[in-house]
Amino acid sequence: MPQNLREQVLATMRQVLGANVDLENTRLQLSSLKMLELIVAIETQFNIHIPESAPLAEITSSLDSIVTHLEKLLPSR
């Protein structure tokens, strides 16, 4: 059974940021390196490209913001 988008993003974030990170209720404050690692992992997972000109800090500020951004980029699921 396929996972929904939020679950897929959550799994990818846990792979990059660690399994013990509370991603549900936290505004992420990522270092530049972790932000880049997360963007690359998301691009790979969803076979998309997020341009460097995109507001990466805003996109990666929370689980919800990543999901919202992906919903705009991905075809209907």
PDB file of N, CA and C in Angstrom:
ATOM      1  N   MET A   1       0.833  -1.176   0.000  1.00  0.00           N
ATOM      2  CA  MET A   1       0.000   0.000   0.000  1.00  0.00           C
ATOM      3  C   MET A   1       0.888   1.253   0.000  1.00  0.00           C
ATOM      4  N   PRO A   2       0.694   2.155  -0.980  1.00  0.00           N
ATOM      5  CA  PRO A   2       1.565   3.323  -1.040  1.00  0.00           C
ATOM      6  C   PRO A   2       1.323   4.283   0.125  1.00  0.00           C
ATOM      7  N   GLN A   3       2.380   4.922   0.537  1.00  0.00           N
ATOM      8  CA  GLN A   3       2.285   5.897   1.614  1.00  0.00           C
ATOM      9  C   GLN A   3       1.751   7.210   1.052  1.00  0.00           C
ATOM     10  N   ASN A   4       1.126   7.996   1.890  1.00  0.00           N
ATOM     11  CA  ASN A   4       0.729   9.310   1.419  1.00  0.00           C
ATOM     12  C   ASN A   4       1.950  10.232   1.402  1.00  0.00           C
ATOM     13  N   LEU A   5       1.793  11.386   0.797  1.00  0.00           N
ATOM     14  CA  LEU A   5       2.904  12.305   0.610  1.00  0.00           C
ATOM     15  C   LEU A   5       3.544  12.697   1.939  1.00  0.00           C
ATOM     16  N   ARG A   6       2.735  13.024   2.921  1.00  0.00           N
ATOM     17  CA  ARG A   6       3.257  13.437   4.232  1.00  0.00           C
ATOM     18  C   ARG A   6       4.109  12.329   4.851  1.00  0.00           C
ATOM     19  N   GLU A   7       3.652  11.093   4.770  1.00  0.00           N
ATOM     20  CA  GLU A   7       4.422   9.968   5.331  1.00  0.00           C
ATOM     21  C   GLU A   7       5.730   9.773   4.580  1.00  0.00           C
ATOM     22  N   GLN A   8       5.716   9.944   3.267  1.00  0.00           N
ATOM     23  CA  GLN A   8       6.941   9.808   2.477  1.00  0.00           C
ATOM     24  C   GLN A   8       7.945  10.893   2.857  1.00  0.00           C
ATOM     25  N   VAL A   9       7.469  12.128   2.989  1.00  0.00           N
ATOM     26  CA  VAL A   9       8.359  13.231   3.382  1.00  0.00           C
ATOM     27  C   VAL A   9       8.901  12.991   4.781  1.00  0.00           C
ATOM     28  N   LEU A  10       8.054  12.568   5.682  1.00  0.00           N
ATOM     29  CA  LEU A  10       8.475  12.292   7.057  1.00  0.00           C
ATOM     30  C   LEU A  10       9.572  11.229   7.086  1.00  0.00           C
ATOM     31  N   ALA A  11       9.411  10.173   6.325  1.00  0.00           N
ATOM     32  CA  ALA A  11      10.423   9.110   6.268  1.00  0.00           C
ATOM     33  C   ALA A  11      11.741   9.640   5.716  1.00  0.00           C
ATOM     34  N   THR A  12      11.671  10.450   4.686  1.00  0.00           N
ATOM     35  CA  THR A  12      12.886  11.028   4.099  1.00  0.00           C
ATOM     36  C   THR A  12      13.569  11.955   5.091  1.00  0.00           C
ATOM     37  N   MET A  13      12.785  12.774   5.785  1.00  0.00           N
ATOM     38  CA  MET A  13      13.357  13.682   6.774  1.00  0.00           C
ATOM     39  C   MET A  13      14.025  12.920   7.911  1.00  0.00           C
ATOM     40  N   ARG A  14      13.420  11.851   8.338  1.00  0.00           N
ATOM     41  CA  ARG A  14      14.023  11.059   9.431  1.00  0.00           C
ATOM     42  C   ARG A  14      15.327  10.415   8.982  1.00  0.00           C
ATOM     43  N   GLN A  15      15.395  10.010   7.706  1.00  0.00           N
ATOM     44  CA  GLN A  15      16.642   9.438   7.194  1.00  0.00           C
ATOM     45  C   GLN A  15      17.765  10.467   7.234  1.00  0.00           C
ATOM     46  N   VAL A  16      17.436  11.703   6.892  1.00  0.00           N
ATOM     47  CA  VAL A  16      18.452  12.756   6.830  1.00  0.00           C
ATOM     48  C   VAL A  16      18.765  13.326   8.212  1.00  0.00           C
ATOM     49  N   LEU A  17      17.725  13.563   9.009  1.00  0.00           N
ATOM     50  CA  LEU A  17      17.893  14.278  10.283  1.00  0.00           C
ATOM     51  C   LEU A  17      17.996  13.377  11.496  1.00  0.00           C
ATOM     52  N   GLY A  18      17.715  12.097  11.327  1.00  0.00           N
ATOM     53  CA  GLY A  18      17.782  11.164  12.435  1.00  0.00           C
ATOM     54  C   GLY A  18      16.399  10.752  12.908  1.00  0.00           C
ATOM     55  N   ALA A  19      16.285   9.546  13.395  1.00  0.00           N
ATOM     56  CA  ALA A  19      14.992   8.971  13.762  1.00  0.00           C
ATOM     57  C   ALA A  19      14.372   9.622  14.995  1.00  0.00           C
ATOM     58  N   ASN A  20      15.172  10.233  15.848  1.00  0.00           N
ATOM     59  CA  ASN A  20      14.656  10.777  17.104  1.00  0.00           C
ATOM     60  C   ASN A  20      14.204  12.234  17.019  1.00  0.00           C
ATOM     61  N   VAL A  21      14.313  12.838  15.858  1.00  0.00           N
ATOM     62  CA  VAL A  21      13.929  14.236  15.709  1.00  0.00           C
ATOM     63  C   VAL A  21      12.406  14.340  15.687  1.00  0.00           C
ATOM     64  N   ASP A  22      11.871  15.257  16.487  1.00  0.00           N
ATOM     65  CA  ASP A  22      10.422  15.480  16.516  1.00  0.00           C
ATOM     66  C   ASP A  22      10.069  16.428  15.378  1.00  0.00           C
ATOM     67  N   LEU A  23       9.541  15.884  14.314  1.00  0.00           N
ATOM     68  CA  LEU A  23       9.256  16.678  13.124  1.00  0.00           C
ATOM     69  C   LEU A  23       7.819  17.162  13.060  1.00  0.00           C
ATOM     70  N   GLU A  24       6.966  16.625  13.883  1.00  0.00           N
ATOM     71  CA  GLU A  24       5.547  16.956  13.801  1.00  0.00           C
ATOM     72  C   GLU A  24       5.221  18.346  14.344  1.00  0.00           C
ATOM     73  N   ASN A  25       5.821  18.750  15.414  1.00  0.00           N
ATOM     74  CA  ASN A  25       5.424  19.986  16.080  1.00  0.00           C
ATOM     75  C   ASN A  25       6.550  21.007  16.183  1.00  0.00           C
ATOM     76  N   THR A  26       7.577  20.826  15.398  1.00  0.00           N
ATOM     77  CA  THR A  26       8.751  21.664  15.540  1.00  0.00           C
ATOM     78  C   THR A  26       9.011  22.443  14.261  1.00  0.00           C
ATOM     79  N   ARG A  27       9.346  23.698  14.435  1.00  0.00           N
ATOM     80  CA  ARG A  27       9.869  24.462  13.302  1.00  0.00           C
ATOM     81  C   ARG A  27      11.342  24.119  13.206  1.00  0.00           C
ATOM     82  N   LEU A  28      11.719  23.606  12.079  1.00  0.00           N
ATOM     83  CA  LEU A  28      13.096  23.166  11.907  1.00  0.00           C
ATOM     84  C   LEU A  28      14.023  24.367  11.799  1.00  0.00           C
ATOM     85  N   GLN A  29      15.159  24.248  12.407  1.00  0.00           N
ATOM     86  CA  GLN A  29      16.212  25.256  12.276  1.00  0.00           C
ATOM     87  C   GLN A  29      17.458  24.503  11.849  1.00  0.00           C
ATOM     88  N   LEU A  30      17.565  24.287  10.544  1.00  0.00           N
ATOM     89  CA  LEU A  30      18.617  23.448   9.995  1.00  0.00           C
ATOM     90  C   LEU A  30      19.850  24.255   9.630  1.00  0.00           C
ATOM     91  N   SER A  31      21.002  23.631   9.796  1.00  0.00           N
ATOM     92  CA  SER A  31      22.226  24.235   9.288  1.00  0.00           C
ATOM     93  C   SER A  31      22.151  24.211   7.759  1.00  0.00           C
ATOM     94  N   SER A  32      22.979  24.991   7.121  1.00  0.00           N
ATOM     95  CA  SER A  32      22.994  25.026   5.655  1.00  0.00           C
ATOM     96  C   SER A  32      23.264  23.642   5.084  1.00  0.00           C
ATOM     97  N   LEU A  33      24.168  22.909   5.713  1.00  0.00           N
ATOM     98  CA  LEU A  33      24.511  21.570   5.229  1.00  0.00           C
ATOM     99  C   LEU A  33      23.321  20.620   5.347  1.00  0.00           C
ATOM    100  N   LYS A  34      22.648  20.611   6.491  1.00  0.00           N
ATOM    101  CA  LYS A  34      21.483  19.730   6.677  1.00  0.00           C
ATOM    102  C   LYS A  34      20.353  20.129   5.732  1.00  0.00           C
ATOM    103  N   MET A  35      20.179  21.434   5.513  1.00  0.00           N
ATOM    104  CA  MET A  35      19.149  21.901   4.602  1.00  0.00           C
ATOM    105  C   MET A  35      19.426  21.372   3.191  1.00  0.00           C
ATOM    106  N   LEU A  36      20.671  21.473   2.768  1.00  0.00           N
ATOM    107  CA  LEU A  36      21.055  20.978   1.443  1.00  0.00           C
ATOM    108  C   LEU A  36      20.881  19.469   1.356  1.00  0.00           C
ATOM    109  N   GLU A  37      21.296  18.742   2.396  1.00  0.00           N
ATOM    110  CA  GLU A  37      21.122  17.287   2.408  1.00  0.00           C
ATOM    111  C   GLU A  37      19.642  16.914   2.303  1.00  0.00           C
ATOM    112  N   LEU A  38      18.795  17.654   2.995  1.00  0.00           N
ATOM    113  CA  LEU A  38      17.365  17.379   2.964  1.00  0.00           C
ATOM    114  C   LEU A  38      16.778  17.676   1.585  1.00  0.00           C
ATOM    115  N   ILE A  39      17.166  18.789   0.990  1.00  0.00           N
ATOM    116  CA  ILE A  39      16.682  19.131  -0.353  1.00  0.00           C
ATOM    117  C   ILE A  39      17.096  18.059  -1.358  1.00  0.00           C
ATOM    118  N   VAL A  40      18.352  17.639  -1.317  1.00  0.00           N
ATOM    119  CA  VAL A  40      18.838  16.607  -2.238  1.00  0.00           C
ATOM    120  C   VAL A  40      18.077  15.301  -2.026  1.00  0.00           C
ATOM    121  N   ALA A  41      17.842  14.918  -0.781  1.00  0.00           N
ATOM    122  CA  ALA A  41      17.098  13.682  -0.493  1.00  0.00           C
ATOM    123  C   ALA A  41      15.666  13.769  -1.017  1.00  0.00           C
ATOM    124  N   ILE A  42      15.031  14.924  -0.863  1.00  0.00           N
ATOM    125  CA  ILE A  42      13.663  15.100  -1.349  1.00  0.00           C
ATOM    126  C   ILE A  42      13.632  15.068  -2.876  1.00  0.00           C
ATOM    127  N   GLU A  43      14.602  15.736  -3.501  1.00  0.00           N
ATOM    128  CA  GLU A  43      14.673  15.717  -4.961  1.00  0.00           C
ATOM    129  C   GLU A  43      14.838  14.290  -5.477  1.00  0.00           C
ATOM    130  N   THR A  44      15.684  13.525  -4.825  1.00  0.00           N
ATOM    131  CA  THR A  44      15.916  12.136  -5.219  1.00  0.00           C
ATOM    132  C   THR A  44      14.672  11.288  -4.983  1.00  0.00           C
ATOM    133  N   GLN A  45      14.066  11.417  -3.829  1.00  0.00           N
ATOM    134  CA  GLN A  45      12.881  10.629  -3.470  1.00  0.00           C
ATOM    135  C   GLN A  45      11.735  10.849  -4.451  1.00  0.00           C
ATOM    136  N   PHE A  46      11.511  12.101  -4.842  1.00  0.00           N
ATOM    137  CA  PHE A  46      10.342  12.432  -5.645  1.00  0.00           C
ATOM    138  C   PHE A  46      10.676  12.721  -7.107  1.00  0.00           C
ATOM    139  N   ASN A  47      11.941  12.547  -7.479  1.00  0.00           N
ATOM    140  CA  ASN A  47      12.387  12.742  -8.848  1.00  0.00           C
ATOM    141  C   ASN A  47      11.981  14.129  -9.367  1.00  0.00           C
ATOM    142  N   ILE A  48      12.350  15.149  -8.591  1.00  0.00           N
ATOM    143  CA  ILE A  48      12.049  16.529  -8.940  1.00  0.00           C
ATOM    144  C   ILE A  48      13.320  17.347  -8.825  1.00  0.00           C
ATOM    145  N   HIS A  49      13.241  18.613  -9.234  1.00  0.00           N
ATOM    146  CA  HIS A  49      14.356  19.544  -9.053  1.00  0.00           C
ATOM    147  C   HIS A  49      13.814  20.794  -8.378  1.00  0.00           C
ATOM    148  N   ILE A  50      14.438  21.172  -7.293  1.00  0.00           N
ATOM    149  CA  ILE A  50      14.105  22.408  -6.606  1.00  0.00           C
ATOM    150  C   ILE A  50      15.239  23.377  -6.909  1.00  0.00           C
ATOM    151  N   PRO A  51      14.958  24.452  -7.637  1.00  0.00           N
ATOM    152  CA  PRO A  51      16.040  25.359  -8.041  1.00  0.00           C
ATOM    153  C   PRO A  51      16.692  26.052  -6.848  1.00  0.00           C
ATOM    154  N   GLU A  52      17.965  26.395  -7.032  1.00  0.00           N
ATOM    155  CA  GLU A  52      18.696  27.077  -5.970  1.00  0.00           C
ATOM    156  C   GLU A  52      18.093  28.445  -5.669  1.00  0.00           C
ATOM    157  N   SER A  53      17.370  29.001  -6.623  1.00  0.00           N
ATOM    158  CA  SER A  53      16.751  30.309  -6.416  1.00  0.00           C
ATOM    159  C   SER A  53      15.484  30.227  -5.559  1.00  0.00           C
ATOM    160  N   ALA A  54      15.010  29.008  -5.305  1.00  0.00           N
ATOM    161  CA  ALA A  54      13.823  28.816  -4.458  1.00  0.00           C
ATOM    162  C   ALA A  54      14.164  29.194  -3.022  1.00  0.00           C
ATOM    163  N   PRO A  55      13.184  29.619  -2.243  1.00  0.00           N
ATOM    164  CA  PRO A  55      13.440  29.978  -0.830  1.00  0.00           C
ATOM    165  C   PRO A  55      13.637  28.717   0.021  1.00  0.00           C
ATOM    166  N   LEU A  56      14.827  28.144  -0.056  1.00  0.00           N
ATOM    167  CA  LEU A  56      15.095  26.841   0.565  1.00  0.00           C
ATOM    168  C   LEU A  56      14.879  26.848   2.073  1.00  0.00           C
ATOM    169  N   ALA A  57      15.265  27.927   2.753  1.00  0.00           N
ATOM    170  CA  ALA A  57      15.077  27.992   4.209  1.00  0.00           C
ATOM    171  C   ALA A  57      13.591  27.978   4.544  1.00  0.00           C
ATOM    172  N   GLU A  58      12.787  28.632   3.732  1.00  0.00           N
ATOM    173  CA  GLU A  58      11.342  28.641   3.961  1.00  0.00           C
ATOM    174  C   GLU A  58      10.737  27.269   3.651  1.00  0.00           C
ATOM    175  N   ILE A  59      11.161  26.679   2.556  1.00  0.00           N
ATOM    176  CA  ILE A  59      10.636  25.368   2.156  1.00  0.00           C
ATOM    177  C   ILE A  59      10.936  24.320   3.219  1.00  0.00           C
ATOM    178  N   THR A  60      12.142  24.347   3.772  1.00  0.00           N
ATOM    179  CA  THR A  60      12.562  23.325   4.738  1.00  0.00           C
ATOM    180  C   THR A  60      12.326  23.741   6.182  1.00  0.00           C
ATOM    181  N   SER A  61      11.493  24.741   6.408  1.00  0.00           N
ATOM    182  CA  SER A  61      11.287  25.233   7.773  1.00  0.00           C
ATOM    183  C   SER A  61      10.449  24.300   8.632  1.00  0.00           C
ATOM    184  N   SER A  62       9.645  23.436   7.997  1.00  0.00           N
ATOM    185  CA  SER A  62       8.826  22.490   8.762  1.00  0.00           C
ATOM    186  C   SER A  62       8.359  21.368   7.846  1.00  0.00           C
ATOM    187  N   LEU A  63       7.879  20.322   8.439  1.00  0.00           N
ATOM    188  CA  LEU A  63       7.312  19.208   7.675  1.00  0.00           C
ATOM    189  C   LEU A  63       6.168  19.705   6.799  1.00  0.00           C
ATOM    190  N   ASP A  64       5.295  20.520   7.363  1.00  0.00           N
ATOM    191  CA  ASP A  64       4.150  21.028   6.611  1.00  0.00           C
ATOM    192  C   ASP A  64       4.574  21.887   5.423  1.00  0.00           C
ATOM    193  N   SER A  65       5.591  22.708   5.593  1.00  0.00           N
ATOM    194  CA  SER A  65       6.021  23.564   4.489  1.00  0.00           C
ATOM    195  C   SER A  65       6.610  22.740   3.348  1.00  0.00           C
ATOM    196  N   ILE A  66       7.308  21.667   3.669  1.00  0.00           N
ATOM    197  CA  ILE A  66       7.849  20.792   2.623  1.00  0.00           C
ATOM    198  C   ILE A  66       6.708  20.116   1.874  1.00  0.00           C
ATOM    199  N   VAL A  67       5.738  19.588   2.604  1.00  0.00           N
ATOM    200  CA  VAL A  67       4.591  18.922   1.979  1.00  0.00           C
ATOM    201  C   VAL A  67       3.832  19.900   1.086  1.00  0.00           C
ATOM    202  N   THR A  68       3.599  21.109   1.575  1.00  0.00           N
ATOM    203  CA  THR A  68       2.887  22.127   0.795  1.00  0.00           C
ATOM    204  C   THR A  68       3.637  22.439  -0.495  1.00  0.00           C
ATOM    205  N   HIS A  69       4.943  22.585  -0.407  1.00  0.00           N
ATOM    206  CA  HIS A  69       5.747  22.873  -1.595  1.00  0.00           C
ATOM    207  C   HIS A  69       5.680  21.712  -2.587  1.00  0.00           C
ATOM    208  N   LEU A  70       5.795  20.494  -2.092  1.00  0.00           N
ATOM    209  CA  LEU A  70       5.739  19.332  -2.976  1.00  0.00           C
ATOM    210  C   LEU A  70       4.375  19.185  -3.640  1.00  0.00           C
ATOM    211  N   GLU A  71       3.322  19.501  -2.936  1.00  0.00           N
ATOM    212  CA  GLU A  71       1.975  19.412  -3.515  1.00  0.00           C
ATOM    213  C   GLU A  71       1.851  20.326  -4.731  1.00  0.00           C
ATOM    214  N   LYS A  72       2.583  21.437  -4.720  1.00  0.00           N
ATOM    215  CA  LYS A  72       2.570  22.353  -5.863  1.00  0.00           C
ATOM    216  C   LYS A  72       3.389  21.811  -7.030  1.00  0.00           C
ATOM    217  N   LEU A  73       4.433  21.043  -6.733  1.00  0.00           N
ATOM    218  CA  LEU A  73       5.346  20.553  -7.765  1.00  0.00           C
ATOM    219  C   LEU A  73       4.931  19.227  -8.392  1.00  0.00           C
ATOM    220  N   LEU A  74       4.303  18.385  -7.597  1.00  0.00           N
ATOM    221  CA  LEU A  74       4.015  17.032  -8.056  1.00  0.00           C
ATOM    222  C   LEU A  74       2.644  16.957  -8.732  1.00  0.00           C
ATOM    223  N   PRO A  75       2.557  16.091  -9.742  1.00  0.00           N
ATOM    224  CA  PRO A  75       1.241  15.871 -10.343  1.00  0.00           C
ATOM    225  C   PRO A  75       0.285  15.311  -9.283  1.00  0.00           C
ATOM    226  N   SER A  76      -0.976  15.440  -9.524  1.00  0.00           N
ATOM    227  CA  SER A  76      -1.982  14.932  -8.568  1.00  0.00           C
ATOM    228  C   SER A  76      -1.681  13.509  -8.181  1.00  0.00           C
ATOM    229  N   ARG A  77      -1.854  13.257  -6.898  1.00  0.00           N
ATOM    230  CA  ARG A  77      -1.596  11.905  -6.375  1.00  0.00           C
ATOM    231  C   ARG A  77      -2.878  11.265  -6.001  1.00  0.00           C
TER     232      ARG A  77
END
